N, C-alpha and C. Protein backbone atom coordinates (compact mmCIF):
# COMPACT_ATOMS: atom_id res chain seq x y z
N MET A 1 95.99 -36.25 151.70
CA MET A 1 94.90 -35.90 150.83
C MET A 1 93.58 -36.32 151.44
N ASP A 2 92.67 -35.45 151.45
CA ASP A 2 91.36 -35.74 152.08
C ASP A 2 90.31 -35.91 150.96
N TRP A 3 90.26 -37.09 150.40
CA TRP A 3 89.34 -37.39 149.33
C TRP A 3 87.85 -37.28 149.79
N ASN A 4 87.63 -37.38 151.04
CA ASN A 4 86.22 -37.30 151.57
C ASN A 4 85.60 -35.98 151.12
N ARG A 5 86.36 -34.93 151.01
CA ARG A 5 85.84 -33.67 150.55
C ARG A 5 85.26 -33.78 149.10
N VAL A 6 85.97 -34.48 148.27
CA VAL A 6 85.53 -34.69 146.89
C VAL A 6 84.19 -35.51 146.91
N GLU A 7 84.21 -36.61 147.68
CA GLU A 7 83.02 -37.46 147.72
C GLU A 7 81.77 -36.68 148.24
N GLY A 8 82.02 -35.85 149.30
CA GLY A 8 80.89 -35.13 149.89
C GLY A 8 80.33 -34.01 148.95
N ASN A 9 81.15 -33.51 148.03
CA ASN A 9 80.76 -32.48 147.16
C ASN A 9 80.73 -32.93 145.71
N TRP A 10 80.46 -34.21 145.49
CA TRP A 10 80.59 -34.80 144.13
C TRP A 10 79.73 -34.09 143.10
N LYS A 11 78.56 -33.64 143.42
CA LYS A 11 77.74 -32.93 142.42
C LYS A 11 78.39 -31.70 141.95
N GLN A 12 79.09 -30.96 142.78
CA GLN A 12 79.74 -29.75 142.41
C GLN A 12 81.08 -30.07 141.70
N VAL A 13 81.70 -31.19 142.06
CA VAL A 13 82.99 -31.54 141.58
C VAL A 13 83.00 -32.14 140.19
N LYS A 14 81.89 -32.79 139.85
CA LYS A 14 81.74 -33.50 138.58
C LYS A 14 82.13 -32.64 137.40
N GLY A 15 81.78 -31.35 137.36
CA GLY A 15 82.07 -30.53 136.23
C GLY A 15 83.60 -30.31 136.08
N LYS A 16 84.29 -30.17 137.21
CA LYS A 16 85.75 -30.02 137.20
C LYS A 16 86.41 -31.27 136.72
N VAL A 17 85.85 -32.42 137.12
CA VAL A 17 86.40 -33.70 136.66
C VAL A 17 86.20 -33.83 135.16
N LYS A 18 85.04 -33.46 134.65
CA LYS A 18 84.73 -33.55 133.22
C LYS A 18 85.64 -32.58 132.43
N GLU A 19 85.93 -31.42 133.00
CA GLU A 19 86.85 -30.49 132.29
C GLU A 19 88.24 -31.13 132.11
N GLN A 20 88.72 -31.79 133.14
CA GLN A 20 90.01 -32.45 133.06
C GLN A 20 90.05 -33.72 132.24
N TRP A 21 89.01 -34.53 132.35
CA TRP A 21 88.94 -35.83 131.66
C TRP A 21 87.67 -35.87 130.82
N GLY A 22 87.70 -35.17 129.66
CA GLY A 22 86.54 -34.99 128.85
C GLY A 22 85.96 -36.28 128.19
N LYS A 23 86.74 -37.35 128.20
CA LYS A 23 86.24 -38.61 127.68
C LYS A 23 85.27 -39.30 128.58
N LEU A 24 85.18 -38.84 129.84
CA LEU A 24 84.26 -39.45 130.81
C LEU A 24 82.83 -38.96 130.49
N THR A 25 81.90 -39.86 130.46
CA THR A 25 80.50 -39.50 130.15
C THR A 25 79.79 -39.15 131.46
N ASP A 26 78.61 -38.56 131.34
CA ASP A 26 77.78 -38.26 132.50
C ASP A 26 77.41 -39.53 133.27
N ASP A 27 77.17 -40.60 132.49
CA ASP A 27 76.93 -41.93 133.19
C ASP A 27 78.14 -42.37 133.98
N ASP A 28 79.33 -42.20 133.38
CA ASP A 28 80.53 -42.51 134.15
C ASP A 28 80.62 -41.76 135.45
N LEU A 29 80.34 -40.48 135.37
CA LEU A 29 80.45 -39.61 136.54
C LEU A 29 79.38 -40.03 137.57
N ASP A 30 78.20 -40.33 137.14
CA ASP A 30 77.16 -40.80 138.09
C ASP A 30 77.59 -42.08 138.78
N ARG A 31 78.17 -43.01 138.00
CA ARG A 31 78.57 -44.33 138.57
C ARG A 31 79.74 -44.13 139.58
N ILE A 32 80.64 -43.20 139.27
CA ILE A 32 81.81 -42.97 140.13
C ILE A 32 81.34 -42.49 141.51
N ALA A 33 80.38 -41.60 141.53
CA ALA A 33 79.77 -41.07 142.81
C ALA A 33 80.80 -40.62 143.80
N GLY A 34 81.93 -40.05 143.24
CA GLY A 34 82.95 -39.51 144.16
C GLY A 34 84.00 -40.50 144.65
N LYS A 35 83.88 -41.79 144.30
CA LYS A 35 84.82 -42.77 144.75
C LYS A 35 86.12 -42.75 143.93
N ARG A 36 87.21 -42.49 144.59
CA ARG A 36 88.50 -42.35 143.88
C ARG A 36 88.89 -43.58 143.09
N ASP A 37 88.74 -44.74 143.68
CA ASP A 37 89.09 -45.93 142.93
C ASP A 37 88.28 -46.12 141.66
N GLN A 38 87.00 -45.74 141.75
CA GLN A 38 86.15 -45.83 140.58
C GLN A 38 86.62 -44.82 139.47
N LEU A 39 86.95 -43.59 139.95
CA LEU A 39 87.40 -42.58 139.01
C LEU A 39 88.67 -43.04 138.32
N GLU A 40 89.61 -43.53 139.09
CA GLU A 40 90.91 -43.99 138.50
C GLU A 40 90.64 -45.14 137.53
N GLY A 41 89.79 -46.05 137.85
CA GLY A 41 89.53 -47.20 136.96
C GLY A 41 88.90 -46.75 135.63
N ILE A 42 87.97 -45.80 135.66
CA ILE A 42 87.37 -45.39 134.44
C ILE A 42 88.30 -44.52 133.64
N ILE A 43 89.09 -43.69 134.29
CA ILE A 43 90.14 -42.92 133.51
C ILE A 43 91.03 -43.89 132.82
N GLN A 44 91.49 -44.93 133.55
CA GLN A 44 92.41 -45.94 132.97
C GLN A 44 91.73 -46.55 131.71
N GLU A 45 90.48 -46.91 131.85
CA GLU A 45 89.74 -47.56 130.82
C GLU A 45 89.57 -46.64 129.55
N ARG A 46 89.16 -45.39 129.81
CA ARG A 46 88.90 -44.48 128.65
C ARG A 46 90.11 -44.03 127.96
N TYR A 47 91.22 -43.79 128.77
CA TYR A 47 92.48 -43.17 128.16
C TYR A 47 93.55 -44.22 127.92
N GLY A 48 93.39 -45.42 128.41
CA GLY A 48 94.35 -46.49 128.15
C GLY A 48 95.73 -46.21 128.70
N ILE A 49 95.76 -45.64 129.89
CA ILE A 49 97.06 -45.40 130.56
C ILE A 49 97.16 -46.25 131.86
N GLU A 50 98.40 -46.44 132.24
CA GLU A 50 98.62 -47.36 133.41
C GLU A 50 98.20 -46.78 134.75
N LYS A 51 97.97 -47.65 135.67
CA LYS A 51 97.36 -47.35 136.97
C LYS A 51 98.22 -46.28 137.73
N ASP A 52 99.52 -46.48 137.73
CA ASP A 52 100.37 -45.49 138.48
C ASP A 52 100.34 -44.10 137.90
N ARG A 53 100.27 -44.02 136.57
CA ARG A 53 100.14 -42.73 135.90
C ARG A 53 98.80 -42.08 136.24
N VAL A 54 97.75 -42.86 136.22
CA VAL A 54 96.40 -42.34 136.56
C VAL A 54 96.45 -41.78 137.98
N ARG A 55 97.00 -42.57 138.92
CA ARG A 55 97.03 -42.15 140.32
C ARG A 55 97.77 -40.78 140.41
N ARG A 56 98.89 -40.67 139.77
CA ARG A 56 99.64 -39.37 139.82
C ARG A 56 98.81 -38.22 139.18
N ASP A 57 98.15 -38.53 138.09
CA ASP A 57 97.31 -37.51 137.41
C ASP A 57 96.19 -37.04 138.28
N VAL A 58 95.51 -37.99 139.01
CA VAL A 58 94.49 -37.60 139.91
C VAL A 58 95.02 -36.84 141.10
N ASP A 59 96.19 -37.22 141.63
CA ASP A 59 96.78 -36.50 142.74
C ASP A 59 97.10 -35.05 142.24
N ASP A 60 97.68 -34.86 141.08
CA ASP A 60 98.02 -33.57 140.54
C ASP A 60 96.75 -32.71 140.39
N TRP A 61 95.73 -33.31 139.81
CA TRP A 61 94.44 -32.62 139.61
C TRP A 61 93.88 -32.12 141.00
N TYR A 62 93.89 -33.06 141.99
CA TYR A 62 93.37 -32.73 143.28
C TYR A 62 94.15 -31.63 143.91
N ASP A 63 95.47 -31.66 143.82
CA ASP A 63 96.30 -30.58 144.41
C ASP A 63 96.04 -29.23 143.79
N ARG A 64 95.77 -29.22 142.49
CA ARG A 64 95.50 -27.97 141.80
C ARG A 64 94.14 -27.32 142.18
N GLN A 65 93.27 -28.11 142.73
CA GLN A 65 91.91 -27.61 143.09
C GLN A 65 92.02 -26.71 144.36
N GLY A 66 93.08 -26.80 145.12
CA GLY A 66 93.23 -25.91 146.27
C GLY A 66 92.33 -26.24 147.48
N TRP A 67 91.93 -27.48 147.59
CA TRP A 67 91.07 -27.85 148.71
C TRP A 67 91.87 -28.02 149.91
């Protein structure tokens, strides 16, 4: 997985992230700034799910984007 592509295009990707994880605020997305560990941590916090599940969910989301 090449997460660098997400980081490099974060402004365009933010909308897709918000579609998937609607509990994330615009401030959350600005703080994340494309960093995967930040994204996973905030998803964990907002949704109250364990780290391994969040990692799988982010992997699945990334794979569906077709990058």
